[in-house]
Amino acid sequence: MSRHTLYIDGWQRESSWGWDPGQDVWYAQLWLDGTEPGGNDGRDAPALWLTPPTYEIQLREELAAHIADFLGIAVEAVLRAFAESYEGSWQIYGGQSDYEPEPPLANQ
């Protein structure tokens, strides 16, 4: 599973996004800066949590659209934030959706 920081002002301290190859989906967890997993005696929760079974996101653009809608910003700003935290190449999965390949194993 990949995990990348979401470089959007006010959300980058704990927020993450990435590809989950076990479920073949994109995911994101957005935490407002100043909140964190387990913080506030365990009461802090992600402000936005895009994961199955509620969200079965197959395209990065769809993930970006959900985040943009939630934050009230342009989809292009979210796609730029994705590009800032991942410099690899995207792959096509099943002929219709994109994904992030797993990094090569260290011993290969």
PDB file of N, CA and C in Angstrom:
ATOM      1  N   MET A   1       0.843  -1.168   0.000  1.00  0.00           N
ATOM      2  CA  MET A   1       0.000   0.000   0.000  1.00  0.00           C
ATOM      3  C   MET A   1       0.888   1.230   0.000  1.00  0.00           C
ATOM      4  N   SER A   2       0.554   2.178  -0.842  1.00  0.00           N
ATOM      5  CA  SER A   2       1.319   3.417  -0.850  1.00  0.00           C
ATOM      6  C   SER A   2       0.675   4.413   0.112  1.00  0.00           C
ATOM      7  N   ARG A   3       1.497   5.328   0.586  1.00  0.00           N
ATOM      8  CA  ARG A   3       0.999   6.381   1.481  1.00  0.00           C
ATOM      9  C   ARG A   3       1.797   7.638   1.200  1.00  0.00           C
ATOM     10  N   HIS A   4       1.083   8.694   0.820  1.00  0.00           N
ATOM     11  CA  HIS A   4       1.727   9.965   0.492  1.00  0.00           C
ATOM     12  C   HIS A   4       1.099  11.097   1.287  1.00  0.00           C
ATOM     13  N   THR A   5       1.898  12.096   1.597  1.00  0.00           N
ATOM     14  CA  THR A   5       1.398  13.296   2.249  1.00  0.00           C
ATOM     15  C   THR A   5       0.555  14.076   1.256  1.00  0.00           C
ATOM     16  N   LEU A   6      -0.512  14.694   1.736  1.00  0.00           N
ATOM     17  CA  LEU A   6      -1.339  15.557   0.895  1.00  0.00           C
ATOM     18  C   LEU A   6      -0.895  16.994   1.133  1.00  0.00           C
ATOM     19  N   TYR A   7      -0.162  17.550   0.176  1.00  0.00           N
ATOM     20  CA  TYR A   7       0.412  18.878   0.335  1.00  0.00           C
ATOM     21  C   TYR A   7      -0.599  19.966   0.002  1.00  0.00           C
ATOM     22  N   ILE A   8      -1.533  20.166   0.935  1.00  0.00           N
ATOM     23  CA  ILE A   8      -2.516  21.240   0.826  1.00  0.00           C
ATOM     24  C   ILE A   8      -2.472  21.992   2.150  1.00  0.00           C
ATOM     25  N   ASP A   9      -2.296  23.317   2.073  1.00  0.00           N
ATOM     26  CA  ASP A   9      -2.166  24.135   3.278  1.00  0.00           C
ATOM     27  C   ASP A   9      -3.289  23.846   4.261  1.00  0.00           C
ATOM     28  N   GLY A  10      -2.899  23.625   5.507  1.00  0.00           N
ATOM     29  CA  GLY A  10      -3.836  23.375   6.581  1.00  0.00           C
ATOM     30  C   GLY A  10      -4.202  21.919   6.763  1.00  0.00           C
ATOM     31  N   TRP A  11      -3.732  21.070   5.829  1.00  0.00           N
ATOM     32  CA  TRP A  11      -4.104  19.652   5.867  1.00  0.00           C
ATOM     33  C   TRP A  11      -2.912  18.716   5.730  1.00  0.00           C
ATOM     34  N   GLN A  12      -1.700  19.231   5.639  1.00  0.00           N
ATOM     35  CA  GLN A  12      -0.581  18.363   5.267  1.00  0.00           C
ATOM     36  C   GLN A  12       0.138  17.686   6.426  1.00  0.00           C
ATOM     37  N   ARG A  13      -0.122  18.057   7.645  1.00  0.00           N
ATOM     38  CA  ARG A  13       0.623  17.455   8.763  1.00  0.00           C
ATOM     39  C   ARG A  13       0.353  15.958   8.885  1.00  0.00           C
ATOM     40  N   GLU A  14      -0.905  15.520   8.809  1.00  0.00           N
ATOM     41  CA  GLU A  14      -1.247  14.112   8.988  1.00  0.00           C
ATOM     42  C   GLU A  14      -2.010  13.500   7.816  1.00  0.00           C
ATOM     43  N   SER A  15      -2.525  14.320   6.908  1.00  0.00           N
ATOM     44  CA  SER A  15      -3.355  13.796   5.815  1.00  0.00           C
ATOM     45  C   SER A  15      -2.538  12.946   4.865  1.00  0.00           C
ATOM     46  N   SER A  16      -3.170  11.896   4.353  1.00  0.00           N
ATOM     47  CA  SER A  16      -2.480  11.007   3.418  1.00  0.00           C
ATOM     48  C   SER A  16      -3.439  10.510   2.354  1.00  0.00           C
ATOM     49  N   TRP A  17      -2.845  10.037   1.260  1.00  0.00           N
ATOM     50  CA  TRP A  17      -3.598   9.466   0.152  1.00  0.00           C
ATOM     51  C   TRP A  17      -2.714   8.415  -0.494  1.00  0.00           C
ATOM     52  N   GLY A  18      -3.312   7.526  -1.274  1.00  0.00           N
ATOM     53  CA  GLY A  18      -2.509   6.526  -1.964  1.00  0.00           C
ATOM     54  C   GLY A  18      -3.351   5.439  -2.603  1.00  0.00           C
ATOM     55  N   TRP A  19      -2.653   4.400  -3.043  1.00  0.00           N
ATOM     56  CA  TRP A  19      -3.255   3.259  -3.731  1.00  0.00           C
ATOM     57  C   TRP A  19      -3.177   2.041  -2.816  1.00  0.00           C
ATOM     58  N   ASP A  20      -4.302   1.350  -2.671  1.00  0.00           N
ATOM     59  CA  ASP A  20      -4.354   0.125  -1.884  1.00  0.00           C
ATOM     60  C   ASP A  20      -4.472  -1.052  -2.848  1.00  0.00           C
ATOM     61  N   PRO A  21      -3.365  -1.760  -3.136  1.00  0.00           N
ATOM     62  CA  PRO A  21      -3.408  -2.847  -4.113  1.00  0.00           C
ATOM     63  C   PRO A  21      -4.229  -4.042  -3.637  1.00  0.00           C
ATOM     64  N   GLY A  22      -4.380  -4.210  -2.331  1.00  0.00           N
ATOM     65  CA  GLY A  22      -5.170  -5.320  -1.816  1.00  0.00           C
ATOM     66  C   GLY A  22      -6.651  -5.192  -2.133  1.00  0.00           C
ATOM     67  N   GLN A  23      -7.117  -3.951  -2.228  1.00  0.00           N
ATOM     68  CA  GLN A  23      -8.524  -3.700  -2.532  1.00  0.00           C
ATOM     69  C   GLN A  23      -8.723  -3.070  -3.905  1.00  0.00           C
ATOM     70  N   ASP A  24      -7.623  -2.772  -4.604  1.00  0.00           N
ATOM     71  CA  ASP A  24      -7.672  -2.137  -5.923  1.00  0.00           C
ATOM     72  C   ASP A  24      -8.433  -0.820  -5.888  1.00  0.00           C
ATOM     73  N   VAL A  25      -8.089   0.025  -4.925  1.00  0.00           N
ATOM     74  CA  VAL A  25      -8.764   1.322  -4.790  1.00  0.00           C
ATOM     75  C   VAL A  25      -7.776   2.407  -4.372  1.00  0.00           C
ATOM     76  N   TRP A  26      -8.148   3.637  -4.675  1.00  0.00           N
ATOM     77  CA  TRP A  26      -7.472   4.804  -4.128  1.00  0.00           C
ATOM     78  C   TRP A  26      -8.143   5.146  -2.810  1.00  0.00           C
ATOM     79  N   TYR A  27      -7.389   5.717  -1.884  1.00  0.00           N
ATOM     80  CA  TYR A  27      -7.948   6.088  -0.588  1.00  0.00           C
ATOM     81  C   TYR A  27      -7.360   7.433  -0.156  1.00  0.00           C
ATOM     82  N   ALA A  28      -8.002   8.047   0.819  1.00  0.00           N
ATOM     83  CA  ALA A  28      -7.465   9.262   1.441  1.00  0.00           C
ATOM     84  C   ALA A  28      -8.031   9.391   2.844  1.00  0.00           C
ATOM     85  N   GLN A  29      -7.207   9.943   3.723  1.00  0.00           N
ATOM     86  CA  GLN A  29      -7.631  10.343   5.058  1.00  0.00           C
ATOM     87  C   GLN A  29      -7.163  11.767   5.248  1.00  0.00           C
ATOM     88  N   LEU A  30      -8.084  12.680   5.494  1.00  0.00           N
ATOM     89  CA  LEU A  30      -7.741  14.080   5.698  1.00  0.00           C
ATOM     90  C   LEU A  30      -7.902  14.452   7.159  1.00  0.00           C
ATOM     91  N   TRP A  31      -6.811  14.935   7.706  1.00  0.00           N
ATOM     92  CA  TRP A  31      -6.773  15.402   9.095  1.00  0.00           C
ATOM     93  C   TRP A  31      -6.423  16.887   9.053  1.00  0.00           C
ATOM     94  N   LEU A  32      -7.248  17.708   9.668  1.00  0.00           N
ATOM     95  CA  LEU A  32      -6.952  19.127   9.778  1.00  0.00           C
ATOM     96  C   LEU A  32      -5.692  19.286  10.614  1.00  0.00           C
ATOM     97  N   ASP A  33      -4.767  20.145  10.168  1.00  0.00           N
ATOM     98  CA  ASP A  33      -3.561  20.386  10.964  1.00  0.00           C
ATOM     99  C   ASP A  33      -3.978  20.760  12.382  1.00  0.00           C
ATOM    100  N   GLY A  34      -3.312  20.152  13.355  1.00  0.00           N
ATOM    101  CA  GLY A  34      -3.651  20.358  14.756  1.00  0.00           C
ATOM    102  C   GLY A  34      -4.435  19.191  15.331  1.00  0.00           C
ATOM    103  N   THR A  35      -4.937  18.319  14.455  1.00  0.00           N
ATOM    104  CA  THR A  35      -5.547  17.077  14.905  1.00  0.00           C
ATOM    105  C   THR A  35      -4.646  15.950  14.422  1.00  0.00           C
ATOM    106  N   GLU A  36      -4.791  14.797  15.011  1.00  0.00           N
ATOM    107  CA  GLU A  36      -3.937  13.691  14.607  1.00  0.00           C
ATOM    108  C   GLU A  36      -4.516  12.367  15.072  1.00  0.00           C
ATOM    109  N   PRO A  37      -4.123  11.288  14.423  1.00  0.00           N
ATOM    110  CA  PRO A  37      -4.604   9.978  14.843  1.00  0.00           C
ATOM    111  C   PRO A  37      -4.291   9.726  16.314  1.00  0.00           C
ATOM    112  N   GLY A  38      -5.300   9.373  17.072  1.00  0.00           N
ATOM    113  CA  GLY A  38      -5.109   9.102  18.492  1.00  0.00           C
ATOM    114  C   GLY A  38      -5.017  10.343  19.353  1.00  0.00           C
ATOM    115  N   GLY A  39      -5.049  11.526  18.728  1.00  0.00           N
ATOM    116  CA  GLY A  39      -4.933  12.760  19.488  1.00  0.00           C
ATOM    117  C   GLY A  39      -6.202  13.082  20.253  1.00  0.00           C
ATOM    118  N   ASN A  40      -6.098  14.062  21.127  1.00  0.00           N
ATOM    119  CA  ASN A  40      -7.239  14.515  21.927  1.00  0.00           C
ATOM    120  C   ASN A  40      -7.847  13.344  22.694  1.00  0.00           C
ATOM    121  N   ASP A  41      -6.985  12.559  23.320  1.00  0.00           N
ATOM    122  CA  ASP A  41      -7.402  11.360  24.066  1.00  0.00           C
ATOM    123  C   ASP A  41      -8.206  10.392  23.210  1.00  0.00           C
ATOM    124  N   GLY A  42      -7.796  10.273  21.953  1.00  0.00           N
ATOM    125  CA  GLY A  42      -8.455   9.336  21.045  1.00  0.00           C
ATOM    126  C   GLY A  42      -9.706   9.857  20.379  1.00  0.00           C
ATOM    127  N   ARG A  43     -10.062  11.117  20.630  1.00  0.00           N
ATOM    128  CA  ARG A  43     -11.300  11.655  20.047  1.00  0.00           C
ATOM    129  C   ARG A  43     -11.103  12.260  18.660  1.00  0.00           C
ATOM    130  N   ASP A  44      -9.866  12.538  18.262  1.00  0.00           N
ATOM    131  CA  ASP A  44      -9.631  13.074  16.923  1.00  0.00           C
ATOM    132  C   ASP A  44      -9.901  11.990  15.883  1.00  0.00           C
ATOM    133  N   ALA A  45     -10.611  12.336  14.861  1.00  0.00           N
ATOM    134  CA  ALA A  45     -10.907  11.426  13.749  1.00  0.00           C
ATOM    135  C   ALA A  45     -10.631  12.177  12.460  1.00  0.00           C
ATOM    136  N   PRO A  46     -10.414  11.459  11.367  1.00  0.00           N
ATOM    137  CA  PRO A  46     -10.216  12.163  10.098  1.00  0.00           C
ATOM    138  C   PRO A  46     -11.446  13.011   9.774  1.00  0.00           C
ATOM    139  N   ALA A  47     -11.213  14.187   9.224  1.00  0.00           N
ATOM    140  CA  ALA A  47     -12.323  15.031   8.783  1.00  0.00           C
ATOM    141  C   ALA A  47     -12.978  14.427   7.543  1.00  0.00           C
ATOM    142  N   LEU A  48     -12.194  13.731   6.749  1.00  0.00           N
ATOM    143  CA  LEU A  48     -12.692  13.036   5.561  1.00  0.00           C
ATOM    144  C   LEU A  48     -11.953  11.712   5.453  1.00  0.00           C
ATOM    145  N   TRP A  49     -12.696  10.633   5.246  1.00  0.00           N
ATOM    146  CA  TRP A  49     -12.106   9.304   5.167  1.00  0.00           C
ATOM    147  C   TRP A  49     -12.698   8.632   3.942  1.00  0.00           C
ATOM    148  N   LEU A  50     -11.908   8.518   2.903  1.00  0.00           N
ATOM    149  CA  LEU A  50     -12.360   7.937   1.631  1.00  0.00           C
ATOM    150  C   LEU A  50     -11.773   6.541   1.482  1.00  0.00           C
ATOM    151  N   THR A  51     -12.481   5.538   1.997  1.00  0.00           N
ATOM    152  CA  THR A  51     -12.039   4.148   1.934  1.00  0.00           C
ATOM    153  C   THR A  51     -13.251   3.244   1.743  1.00  0.00           C
ATOM    154  N   PRO A  52     -13.022   2.006   1.273  1.00  0.00           N
ATOM    155  CA  PRO A  52     -14.123   1.045   1.199  1.00  0.00           C
ATOM    156  C   PRO A  52     -14.646   0.743   2.604  1.00  0.00           C
ATOM    157  N   PRO A  53     -15.873   0.330   2.754  1.00  0.00           N
ATOM    158  CA  PRO A  53     -16.814  -0.001   1.691  1.00  0.00           C
ATOM    159  C   PRO A  53     -17.622   1.198   1.197  1.00  0.00           C
ATOM    160  N   THR A  54     -17.532   2.341   1.886  1.00  0.00           N
ATOM    161  CA  THR A  54     -18.321   3.503   1.470  1.00  0.00           C
ATOM    162  C   THR A  54     -17.852   4.059   0.139  1.00  0.00           C
ATOM    163  N   TYR A  55     -16.549   4.087  -0.079  1.00  0.00           N
ATOM    164  CA  TYR A  55     -15.974   4.637  -1.306  1.00  0.00           C
ATOM    165  C   TYR A  55     -15.123   3.576  -1.983  1.00  0.00           C
ATOM    166  N   GLU A  56     -15.450   3.237  -3.205  1.00  0.00           N
ATOM    167  CA  GLU A  56     -14.676   2.298  -4.033  1.00  0.00           C
ATOM    168  C   GLU A  56     -14.103   3.104  -5.196  1.00  0.00           C
ATOM    169  N   ILE A  57     -13.046   3.846  -4.952  1.00  0.00           N
ATOM    170  CA  ILE A  57     -12.537   4.825  -5.912  1.00  0.00           C
ATOM    171  C   ILE A  57     -11.493   4.179  -6.817  1.00  0.00           C
ATOM    172  N   GLN A  58     -11.763   4.183  -8.108  1.00  0.00           N
ATOM    173  CA  GLN A  58     -10.900   3.537  -9.092  1.00  0.00           C
ATOM    174  C   GLN A  58     -10.003   4.505  -9.859  1.00  0.00           C
ATOM    175  N   LEU A  59     -10.279   5.789  -9.816  1.00  0.00           N
ATOM    176  CA  LEU A  59      -9.503   6.769 -10.576  1.00  0.00           C
ATOM    177  C   LEU A  59      -8.952   7.861  -9.665  1.00  0.00           C
ATOM    178  N   ARG A  60      -7.707   8.251  -9.895  1.00  0.00           N
ATOM    179  CA  ARG A  60      -7.125   9.364  -9.135  1.00  0.00           C
ATOM    180  C   ARG A  60      -7.963  10.614  -9.262  1.00  0.00           C
ATOM    181  N   GLU A  61      -8.479  10.868 -10.464  1.00  0.00           N
ATOM    182  CA  GLU A  61      -9.286  12.055 -10.697  1.00  0.00           C
ATOM    183  C   GLU A  61     -10.561  12.042  -9.845  1.00  0.00           C
ATOM    184  N   GLU A  62     -11.125  10.866  -9.638  1.00  0.00           N
ATOM    185  CA  GLU A  62     -12.308  10.756  -8.783  1.00  0.00           C
ATOM    186  C   GLU A  62     -11.939  11.035  -7.326  1.00  0.00           C
ATOM    187  N   LEU A  63     -10.802  10.507  -6.883  1.00  0.00           N
ATOM    188  CA  LEU A  63     -10.319  10.789  -5.538  1.00  0.00           C
ATOM    189  C   LEU A  63     -10.108  12.293  -5.372  1.00  0.00           C
ATOM    190  N   ALA A  64      -9.451  12.909  -6.351  1.00  0.00           N
ATOM    191  CA  ALA A  64      -9.204  14.348  -6.309  1.00  0.00           C
ATOM    192  C   ALA A  64     -10.517  15.130  -6.265  1.00  0.00           C
ATOM    193  N   ALA A  65     -11.521  14.687  -7.008  1.00  0.00           N
ATOM    194  CA  ALA A  65     -12.809  15.385  -7.029  1.00  0.00           C
ATOM    195  C   ALA A  65     -13.492  15.342  -5.663  1.00  0.00           C
ATOM    196  N   HIS A  66     -13.439  14.190  -4.987  1.00  0.00           N
ATOM    197  CA  HIS A  66     -14.025  14.091  -3.643  1.00  0.00           C
ATOM    198  C   HIS A  66     -13.318  15.041  -2.673  1.00  0.00           C
ATOM    199  N   ILE A  67     -11.994  15.055  -2.732  1.00  0.00           N
ATOM    200  CA  ILE A  67     -11.218  15.918  -1.835  1.00  0.00           C
ATOM    201  C   ILE A  67     -11.490  17.382  -2.138  1.00  0.00           C
ATOM    202  N   ALA A  68     -11.487  17.736  -3.417  1.00  0.00           N
ATOM    203  CA  ALA A  68     -11.727  19.122  -3.824  1.00  0.00           C
ATOM    204  C   ALA A  68     -13.107  19.595  -3.370  1.00  0.00           C
ATOM    205  N   ASP A  69     -14.108  18.739  -3.542  1.00  0.00           N
ATOM    206  CA  ASP A  69     -15.468  19.088  -3.127  1.00  0.00           C
ATOM    207  C   ASP A  69     -15.511  19.321  -1.613  1.00  0.00           C
ATOM    208  N   PHE A  70     -14.884  18.450  -0.857  1.00  0.00           N
ATOM    209  CA  PHE A  70     -14.865  18.574   0.597  1.00  0.00           C
ATOM    210  C   PHE A  70     -14.163  19.858   1.042  1.00  0.00           C
ATOM    211  N   LEU A  71     -13.027  20.180   0.404  1.00  0.00           N
ATOM    212  CA  LEU A  71     -12.242  21.349   0.797  1.00  0.00           C
ATOM    213  C   LEU A  71     -12.713  22.639   0.140  1.00  0.00           C
ATOM    214  N   GLY A  72     -13.563  22.533  -0.877  1.00  0.00           N
ATOM    215  CA  GLY A  72     -14.028  23.726  -1.583  1.00  0.00           C
ATOM    216  C   GLY A  72     -12.950  24.369  -2.438  1.00  0.00           C
ATOM    217  N   ILE A  73     -12.108  23.525  -3.044  1.00  0.00           N
ATOM    218  CA  ILE A  73     -11.040  24.021  -3.911  1.00  0.00           C
ATOM    219  C   ILE A  73     -11.158  23.344  -5.274  1.00  0.00           C
ATOM    220  N   ALA A  74     -10.344  23.785  -6.225  1.00  0.00           N
ATOM    221  CA  ALA A  74     -10.367  23.229  -7.578  1.00  0.00           C
ATOM    222  C   ALA A  74      -9.743  21.835  -7.604  1.00  0.00           C
ATOM    223  N   VAL A  75     -10.293  20.976  -8.433  1.00  0.00           N
ATOM    224  CA  VAL A  75      -9.746  19.628  -8.614  1.00  0.00           C
ATOM    225  C   VAL A  75      -8.289  19.707  -9.048  1.00  0.00           C
ATOM    226  N   GLU A  76      -7.978  20.676  -9.889  1.00  0.00           N
ATOM    227  CA  GLU A  76      -6.602  20.822 -10.373  1.00  0.00           C
ATOM    228  C   GLU A  76      -5.629  21.064  -9.227  1.00  0.00           C
ATOM    229  N   ALA A  77      -6.064  21.773  -8.183  1.00  0.00           N
ATOM    230  CA  ALA A  77      -5.191  22.015  -7.018  1.00  0.00           C
ATOM    231  C   ALA A  77      -4.882  20.705  -6.299  1.00  0.00           C
ATOM    232  N   VAL A  78      -5.857  19.830  -6.213  1.00  0.00           N
ATOM    233  CA  VAL A  78      -5.629  18.531  -5.558  1.00  0.00           C
ATOM    234  C   VAL A  78      -4.719  17.667  -6.427  1.00  0.00           C
ATOM    235  N   LEU A  79      -4.949  17.660  -7.729  1.00  0.00           N
ATOM    236  CA  LEU A  79      -4.083  16.887  -8.630  1.00  0.00           C
ATOM    237  C   LEU A  79      -2.643  17.393  -8.564  1.00  0.00           C
ATOM    238  N   ARG A  80      -2.443  18.702  -8.441  1.00  0.00           N
ATOM    239  CA  ARG A  80      -1.089  19.252  -8.274  1.00  0.00           C
ATOM    240  C   ARG A  80      -0.480  18.766  -6.955  1.00  0.00           C
ATOM    241  N   ALA A  81      -1.294  18.731  -5.894  1.00  0.00           N
ATOM    242  CA  ALA A  81      -0.801  18.244  -4.603  1.00  0.00           C
ATOM    243  C   ALA A  81      -0.389  16.779  -4.703  1.00  0.00           C
ATOM    244  N   PHE A  82      -1.162  15.979  -5.447  1.00  0.00           N
ATOM    245  CA  PHE A  82      -0.780  14.583  -5.681  1.00  0.00           C
ATOM    246  C   PHE A  82       0.573  14.527  -6.383  1.00  0.00           C
ATOM    247  N   ALA A  83       0.731  15.327  -7.432  1.00  0.00           N
ATOM    248  CA  ALA A  83       1.971  15.307  -8.224  1.00  0.00           C
ATOM    249  C   ALA A  83       3.172  15.731  -7.393  1.00  0.00           C
ATOM    250  N   GLU A  84       2.965  16.622  -6.418  1.00  0.00           N
ATOM    251  CA  GLU A  84       4.073  17.067  -5.561  1.00  0.00           C
ATOM    252  C   GLU A  84       4.601  15.957  -4.669  1.00  0.00           C
ATOM    253  N   SER A  85       3.763  14.975  -4.374  1.00  0.00           N
ATOM    254  CA  SER A  85       4.201  13.934  -3.442  1.00  0.00           C
ATOM    255  C   SER A  85       4.472  12.587  -4.107  1.00  0.00           C
ATOM    256  N   TYR A  86       4.266  12.500  -5.417  1.00  0.00           N
ATOM    257  CA  TYR A  86       4.567  11.249  -6.115  1.00  0.00           C
ATOM    258  C   TYR A  86       5.133  11.562  -7.484  1.00  0.00           C
ATOM    259  N   GLU A  87       6.365  11.123  -7.736  1.00  0.00           N
ATOM    260  CA  GLU A  87       7.026  11.419  -9.000  1.00  0.00           C
ATOM    261  C   GLU A  87       7.096  10.221  -9.934  1.00  0.00           C
ATOM    262  N   GLY A  88       6.518   9.098  -9.527  1.00  0.00           N
ATOM    263  CA  GLY A  88       6.580   7.899 -10.353  1.00  0.00           C
ATOM    264  C   GLY A  88       5.596   7.930 -11.512  1.00  0.00           C
ATOM    265  N   SER A  89       5.535   6.820 -12.226  1.00  0.00           N
ATOM    266  CA  SER A  89       4.604   6.733 -13.345  1.00  0.00           C
ATOM    267  C   SER A  89       3.338   6.008 -12.903  1.00  0.00           C
ATOM    268  N   TRP A  90       2.210   6.412 -13.429  1.00  0.00           N
ATOM    269  CA  TRP A  90       0.935   5.771 -13.144  1.00  0.00           C
ATOM    270  C   TRP A  90       0.726   4.635 -14.126  1.00  0.00           C
ATOM    271  N   GLN A  91       0.054   3.600 -13.725  1.00  0.00           N
ATOM    272  CA  GLN A  91      -0.194   2.430 -14.553  1.00  0.00           C
ATOM    273  C   GLN A  91      -1.688   2.303 -14.839  1.00  0.00           C
ATOM    274  N   ILE A  92      -2.024   1.531 -15.843  1.00  0.00           N
ATOM    275  CA  ILE A  92      -3.425   1.271 -16.168  1.00  0.00           C
ATOM    276  C   ILE A  92      -3.792  -0.091 -15.598  1.00  0.00           C
ATOM    277  N   TYR A  93      -4.916  -0.150 -14.918  1.00  0.00           N
ATOM    278  CA  TYR A  93      -5.374  -1.377 -14.290  1.00  0.00           C
ATOM    279  C   TYR A  93      -6.700  -1.782 -14.904  1.00  0.00           C
ATOM    280  N   GLY A  94      -6.798  -2.972 -15.432  1.00  0.00           N
ATOM    281  CA  GLY A  94      -8.056  -3.450 -15.980  1.00  0.00           C
ATOM    282  C   GLY A  94      -8.547  -2.658 -17.175  1.00  0.00           C
ATOM    283  N   GLY A  95      -7.664  -1.908 -17.812  1.00  0.00           N
ATOM    284  CA  GLY A  95      -8.038  -1.163 -19.004  1.00  0.00           C
ATOM    285  C   GLY A  95      -8.863   0.079 -18.745  1.00  0.00           C
ATOM    286  N   GLN A  96      -9.223   0.361 -17.488  1.00  0.00           N
ATOM    287  CA  GLN A  96     -10.087   1.515 -17.272  1.00  0.00           C
ATOM    288  C   GLN A  96      -9.690   2.405 -16.104  1.00  0.00           C
ATOM    289  N   SER A  97      -8.905   1.909 -15.188  1.00  0.00           N
ATOM    290  CA  SER A  97      -8.538   2.756 -14.053  1.00  0.00           C
ATOM    291  C   SER A  97      -7.028   2.791 -13.899  1.00  0.00           C
ATOM    292  N   ASP A  98      -6.551   3.835 -13.232  1.00  0.00           N
ATOM    293  CA  ASP A  98      -5.124   3.949 -13.028  1.00  0.00           C
ATOM    294  C   ASP A  98      -4.774   3.537 -11.613  1.00  0.00           C
ATOM    295  N   TYR A  99      -3.516   3.229 -11.418  1.00  0.00           N
ATOM    296  CA  TYR A  99      -3.064   2.866 -10.083  1.00  0.00           C
ATOM    297  C   TYR A  99      -1.593   3.180  -9.953  1.00  0.00           C
ATOM    298  N   GLU A 100      -1.125   3.101  -8.744  1.00  0.00           N
ATOM    299  CA  GLU A 100       0.285   3.337  -8.469  1.00  0.00           C
ATOM    300  C   GLU A 100       0.945   1.987  -8.230  1.00  0.00           C
ATOM    301  N   PRO A 101       1.934   1.642  -9.037  1.00  0.00           N
ATOM    302  CA  PRO A 101       2.572   0.341  -8.842  1.00  0.00           C
ATOM    303  C   PRO A 101       3.292   0.263  -7.513  1.00  0.00           C
ATOM    304  N   GLU A 102       3.362  -0.950  -6.988  1.00  0.00           N
ATOM    305  CA  GLU A 102       4.119  -1.167  -5.760  1.00  0.00           C
ATOM    306  C   GLU A 102       5.603  -0.925  -6.046  1.00  0.00           C
ATOM    307  N   PRO A 103       6.331  -0.385  -5.073  1.00  0.00           N
ATOM    308  CA  PRO A 103       7.769  -0.224  -5.282  1.00  0.00           C
ATOM    309  C   PRO A 103       8.441  -1.581  -5.389  1.00  0.00           C
ATOM    310  N   PRO A 104       9.545  -1.661  -6.098  1.00  0.00           N
ATOM    311  CA  PRO A 104      10.233  -2.947  -6.212  1.00  0.00           C
ATOM    312  C   PRO A 104      10.722  -3.415  -4.842  1.00  0.00           C
ATOM    313  N   LEU A 105      10.793  -4.724  -4.682  1.00  0.00           N
ATOM    314  CA  LEU A 105      11.311  -5.274  -3.430  1.00  0.00           C
ATOM    315  C   LEU A 105      12.784  -4.941  -3.298  1.00  0.00           C
ATOM    316  N   ALA A 106      13.230  -4.741  -2.079  1.00  0.00           N
ATOM    317  CA  ALA A 106      14.606  -4.322  -1.818  1.00  0.00           C
ATOM    318  C   ALA A 106      15.618  -5.366  -2.289  1.00  0.00           C
ATOM    319  N   ASN A 107      15.259  -6.636  -2.281  1.00  0.00           N
ATOM    320  CA  ASN A 107      16.231  -7.669  -2.639  1.00  0.00           C
ATOM    321  C   ASN A 107      16.204  -8.017  -4.121  1.00  0.00           C
ATOM    322  N   GLN A 108      15.493  -7.272  -4.933  1.00  0.00           N
ATOM    323  CA  GLN A 108      15.452  -7.566  -6.370  1.00  0.00           C
ATOM    324  C   GLN A 108      16.355  -6.633  -7.138  1.00  0.00           C
TER     325      GLN A 108
END
